[in-house]
C-alpha atoms as a PDB file:
ATOM      1  CA  MET A   1       0.057   0.053   0.144  1.00  0.00           C
ATOM      2  CA  SER A   2       1.425   3.463  -0.837  1.00  0.00           C
ATOM      3  CA  ILE A   3       0.144   6.436   1.386  1.00  0.00           C
ATOM      4  CA  LEU A   4       0.882  10.177   0.501  1.00  0.00           C
ATOM      5  CA  ILE A   5       1.106  12.220   3.788  1.00  0.00           C
ATOM      6  CA  ILE A   6       0.630  15.791   3.185  1.00  0.00           C
ATOM      7  CA  GLY A   7       1.594  18.407   5.841  1.00  0.00           C
ATOM      8  CA  GLY A   8       3.560  18.244   8.999  1.00  0.00           C
ATOM      9  CA  ASP A   9       7.446  18.274   9.576  1.00  0.00           C
ATOM     10  CA  LYS A  10       8.491  15.451  11.639  1.00  0.00           C
ATOM     11  CA  ILE A  11       6.226  12.531  10.788  1.00  0.00           C
ATOM     12  CA  SER A  12       8.692   9.455  12.070  1.00  0.00           C
ATOM     13  CA  HIS A  13       6.368   8.184  14.479  1.00  0.00           C
ATOM     14  CA  ILE A  14       3.111   8.203  12.182  1.00  0.00           C
ATOM     15  CA  GLN A  15       5.180   6.716   9.216  1.00  0.00           C
ATOM     16  CA  SER A  16       6.425   3.771  11.804  1.00  0.00           C
ATOM     17  CA  MET A  17       2.737   3.106  12.766  1.00  0.00           C
ATOM     18  CA  LEU A  18       1.395   3.052   8.978  1.00  0.00           C
ATOM     19  CA  GLU A  19       4.450   0.835   8.235  1.00  0.00           C
ATOM     20  CA  ASP A  20       2.912  -1.434  11.022  1.00  0.00           C
ATOM     21  CA  LEU A  21      -0.464  -1.157   9.552  1.00  0.00           C
ATOM     22  CA  GLY A  22       0.856  -2.453   6.144  1.00  0.00           C
ATOM     23  CA  ALA A  23       1.979   0.681   4.447  1.00  0.00           C
ATOM     24  CA  LYS A  24       4.750  -0.207   2.053  1.00  0.00           C
ATOM     25  CA  ASN A  25       5.735   3.072   0.504  1.00  0.00           C
ATOM     26  CA  ILE A  26       5.162   6.451   2.171  1.00  0.00           C
ATOM     27  CA  ASN A  27       5.410   9.811   0.483  1.00  0.00           C
ATOM     28  CA  HIS A  28       5.622  12.809   2.375  1.00  0.00           C
ATOM     29  CA  TRP A  29       5.051  16.573   1.414  1.00  0.00           C
ATOM     30  CA  ASP A  30       5.595  19.039   4.285  1.00  0.00           C
ATOM     31  CA  ALA A  31       3.624  21.711   2.648  1.00  0.00           C
ATOM     32  CA  ARG A  32       5.651  24.300   4.416  1.00  0.00           C
ATOM     33  CA  LYS A  33       5.893  26.549   1.160  1.00  0.00           C
ATOM     34  CA  LYS A  34       2.600  27.878   0.316  1.00  0.00           C
ATOM     35  CA  SER A  35       3.353  27.651  -3.135  1.00  0.00           C
ATOM     36  CA  SER A  36       4.823  24.292  -3.474  1.00  0.00           C
ATOM     37  CA  ALA A  37       2.235  21.804  -2.377  1.00  0.00           C
ATOM     38  CA  PRO A  38      -0.733  23.242  -4.372  1.00  0.00           C
ATOM     39  CA  LYS A  39       1.334  22.469  -7.520  1.00  0.00           C
ATOM     40  CA  LYS A  40       2.226  18.977  -6.828  1.00  0.00           C
ATOM     41  CA  LYS A  41      -0.061  15.998  -8.408  1.00  0.00           C
ATOM     42  CA  ILE A  42      -0.964  12.999  -6.559  1.00  0.00           C
ATOM     43  CA  PRO A  43       1.446  10.179  -7.482  1.00  0.00           C
ATOM     44  CA  ILE A  44      -0.554   7.572  -9.684  1.00  0.00           C
ATOM     45  CA  ASP A  45       0.242   4.669  -7.205  1.00  0.00           C
ATOM     46  CA  THR A  46      -1.305   6.236  -4.074  1.00  0.00           C
ATOM     47  CA  ASP A  47      -3.730   4.097  -2.263  1.00  0.00           C
ATOM     48  CA  CYS A  48      -4.599   6.573   0.696  1.00  0.00           C
ATOM     49  CA  ILE A  49      -4.144  10.322   1.549  1.00  0.00           C
ATOM     50  CA  VAL A  50      -3.267  11.318   4.906  1.00  0.00           C
ATOM     51  CA  MET A  51      -3.737  15.184   5.625  1.00  0.00           C
ATOM     52  CA  LEU A  52      -2.240  16.450   8.771  1.00  0.00           C
ATOM     53  CA  THR A  53      -4.682  19.608   9.165  1.00  0.00           C
ATOM     54  CA  SER A  54      -2.708  21.418  11.771  1.00  0.00           C
ATOM     55  CA  PHE A  55      -0.289  22.230   8.949  1.00  0.00           C
ATOM     56  CA  LEU A  56      -2.387  22.687   5.996  1.00  0.00           C
ATOM     57  CA  ASN A  57      -4.542  25.740   4.608  1.00  0.00           C
ATOM     58  CA  HIS A  58      -7.986  25.219   3.587  1.00  0.00           C
ATOM     59  CA  ASN A  59      -7.164  25.732  -0.092  1.00  0.00           C
ATOM     60  CA  THR A  60      -4.756  23.015  -0.094  1.00  0.00           C
ATOM     61  CA  MET A  61      -6.960  20.691   1.641  1.00  0.00           C
ATOM     62  CA  LEU A  62      -9.772  21.244  -0.735  1.00  0.00           C
ATOM     63  CA  LYS A  63      -7.774  20.671  -3.676  1.00  0.00           C
ATOM     64  CA  TYR A  64      -6.376  17.234  -2.668  1.00  0.00           C
ATOM     65  CA  LYS A  65      -9.771  16.268  -0.827  1.00  0.00           C
ATOM     66  CA  THR A  66     -11.585  17.062  -4.419  1.00  0.00           C
ATOM     67  CA  GLN A  67      -8.675  14.848  -6.156  1.00  0.00           C
ATOM     68  CA  ALA A  68      -9.060  12.003  -3.877  1.00  0.00           C
ATOM     69  CA  LYS A  69     -12.604  11.975  -4.524  1.00  0.00           C
ATOM     70  CA  LYS A  70     -12.254  12.224  -8.275  1.00  0.00           C
ATOM     71  CA  TYR A  71      -9.831   9.386  -8.383  1.00  0.00           C
ATOM     72  CA  LYS A  72     -11.488   7.472  -5.634  1.00  0.00           C
ATOM     73  CA  ILE A  73      -8.517   7.507  -3.246  1.00  0.00           C
ATOM     74  CA  PRO A  74      -9.557   7.250   0.354  1.00  0.00           C
ATOM     75  CA  PHE A  75      -8.250  10.394   2.244  1.00  0.00           C
ATOM     76  CA  ILE A  76      -7.947  10.879   6.189  1.00  0.00           C
ATOM     77  CA  CYS A  77      -8.063  14.427   7.610  1.00  0.00           C
ATOM     78  CA  ALA A  78      -6.478  14.277  11.249  1.00  0.00           C
ATOM     79  CA  LYS A  79      -4.397  16.363  13.417  1.00  0.00           C
ATOM     80  CA  ARG A  80      -0.425  15.662  13.732  1.00  0.00           C
ATOM     81  CA  SER A  81      -1.067  13.183  16.706  1.00  0.00           C
ATOM     82  CA  ILE A  82      -0.252   9.494  16.326  1.00  0.00           C
ATOM     83  CA  SER A  83      -3.508   8.609  18.141  1.00  0.00           C
ATOM     84  CA  CYS A  84      -5.585  10.757  15.669  1.00  0.00           C
ATOM     85  CA  VAL A  85      -4.211   9.489  12.691  1.00  0.00           C
ATOM     86  CA  TYR A  86      -4.367   5.826  13.659  1.00  0.00           C
ATOM     87  CA  GLU A  87      -8.069   6.061  14.608  1.00  0.00           C
ATOM     88  CA  GLU A  88      -8.974   7.819  11.546  1.00  0.00           C
ATOM     89  CA  TYR A  89      -6.745   5.409   9.169  1.00  0.00           C
ATOM     90  CA  VAL A  90      -8.426   2.370  10.958  1.00  0.00           C
ATOM     91  CA  ARG A  91     -11.979   3.760  10.380  1.00  0.00           C
ATOM     92  CA  VAL A  92     -11.514   5.116   6.628  1.00  0.00           C
ATOM     93  CA  MET A  93      -9.526   1.980   5.698  1.00  0.00           C
ATOM     94  CA  ASP A  94     -12.143  -0.371   7.299  1.00  0.00           C
ATOM     95  CA  LEU A  95      -9.571  -2.063   9.413  1.00  0.00           C
ATOM     96  CA  LYS A  96     -10.296  -4.026  12.612  1.00  0.00           C
ATOM     97  CA  ASP A  97      -9.138  -2.021  15.343  1.00  0.00           C
ATOM     98  CA  CYS A  98      -6.407  -3.639  16.770  1.00  0.00           C
ATOM     99  CA  ALA A  99      -5.561  -0.852  19.589  1.00  0.00           C
ATOM    100  CA  SER A 100      -5.144  -3.623  22.158  1.00  0.00           C
ATOM    101  CA  CYS A 101      -2.369  -5.741  19.910  1.00  0.00           C
ATOM    102  CA  TYR A 102      -0.960  -2.546  18.630  1.00  0.00           C
ATOM    103  CA  ALA A 103      -0.246  -1.517  21.802  1.00  0.00           C
ATOM    104  CA  ASP A 104       2.288  -4.077  22.245  1.00  0.00           C
ATOM    105  CA  CYS A 105       4.132  -3.206  19.135  1.00  0.00           C
ATOM    106  CA  GLU A 106       7.478  -1.684  19.504  1.00  0.00           C
ATOM    107  CA  SER A 107       6.854   1.280  17.308  1.00  0.00           C
ATOM    108  CA  TYR A 108       3.843   2.286  19.313  1.00  0.00           C
ATOM    109  CA  LYS A 109       5.849   1.964  22.819  1.00  0.00           C
ATOM    110  CA  ASN A 110       8.763   4.156  21.420  1.00  0.00           C
ATOM    111  CA  ALA A 111       6.326   6.607  20.318  1.00  0.00           C
ATOM    112  CA  LYS A 112       4.886   7.270  23.691  1.00  0.00           C
END
């Protein structure tokens, strides 16, 4: 599974958690520069888009949300916290909520 994360600066904990949940390829656009992110096109192999809302303006979010719907790519809007991203990812991707077993993963323990 290929995931595109838009927003945020340091996403190592989120990236580790998504890899634990089966993501093989994770692309990250920090969207720090206002002009850079809105000009980029979603990679063709993207299976899911994660938008970290604390770091994105409304126009950027609207653009990628519209594109995701057009190409039928699931998208997640969450704050930067690992727990928010996890809860939304499990809900949107229709995964079994494995919070009890996930709490035993090394990546999760290190993120705390």
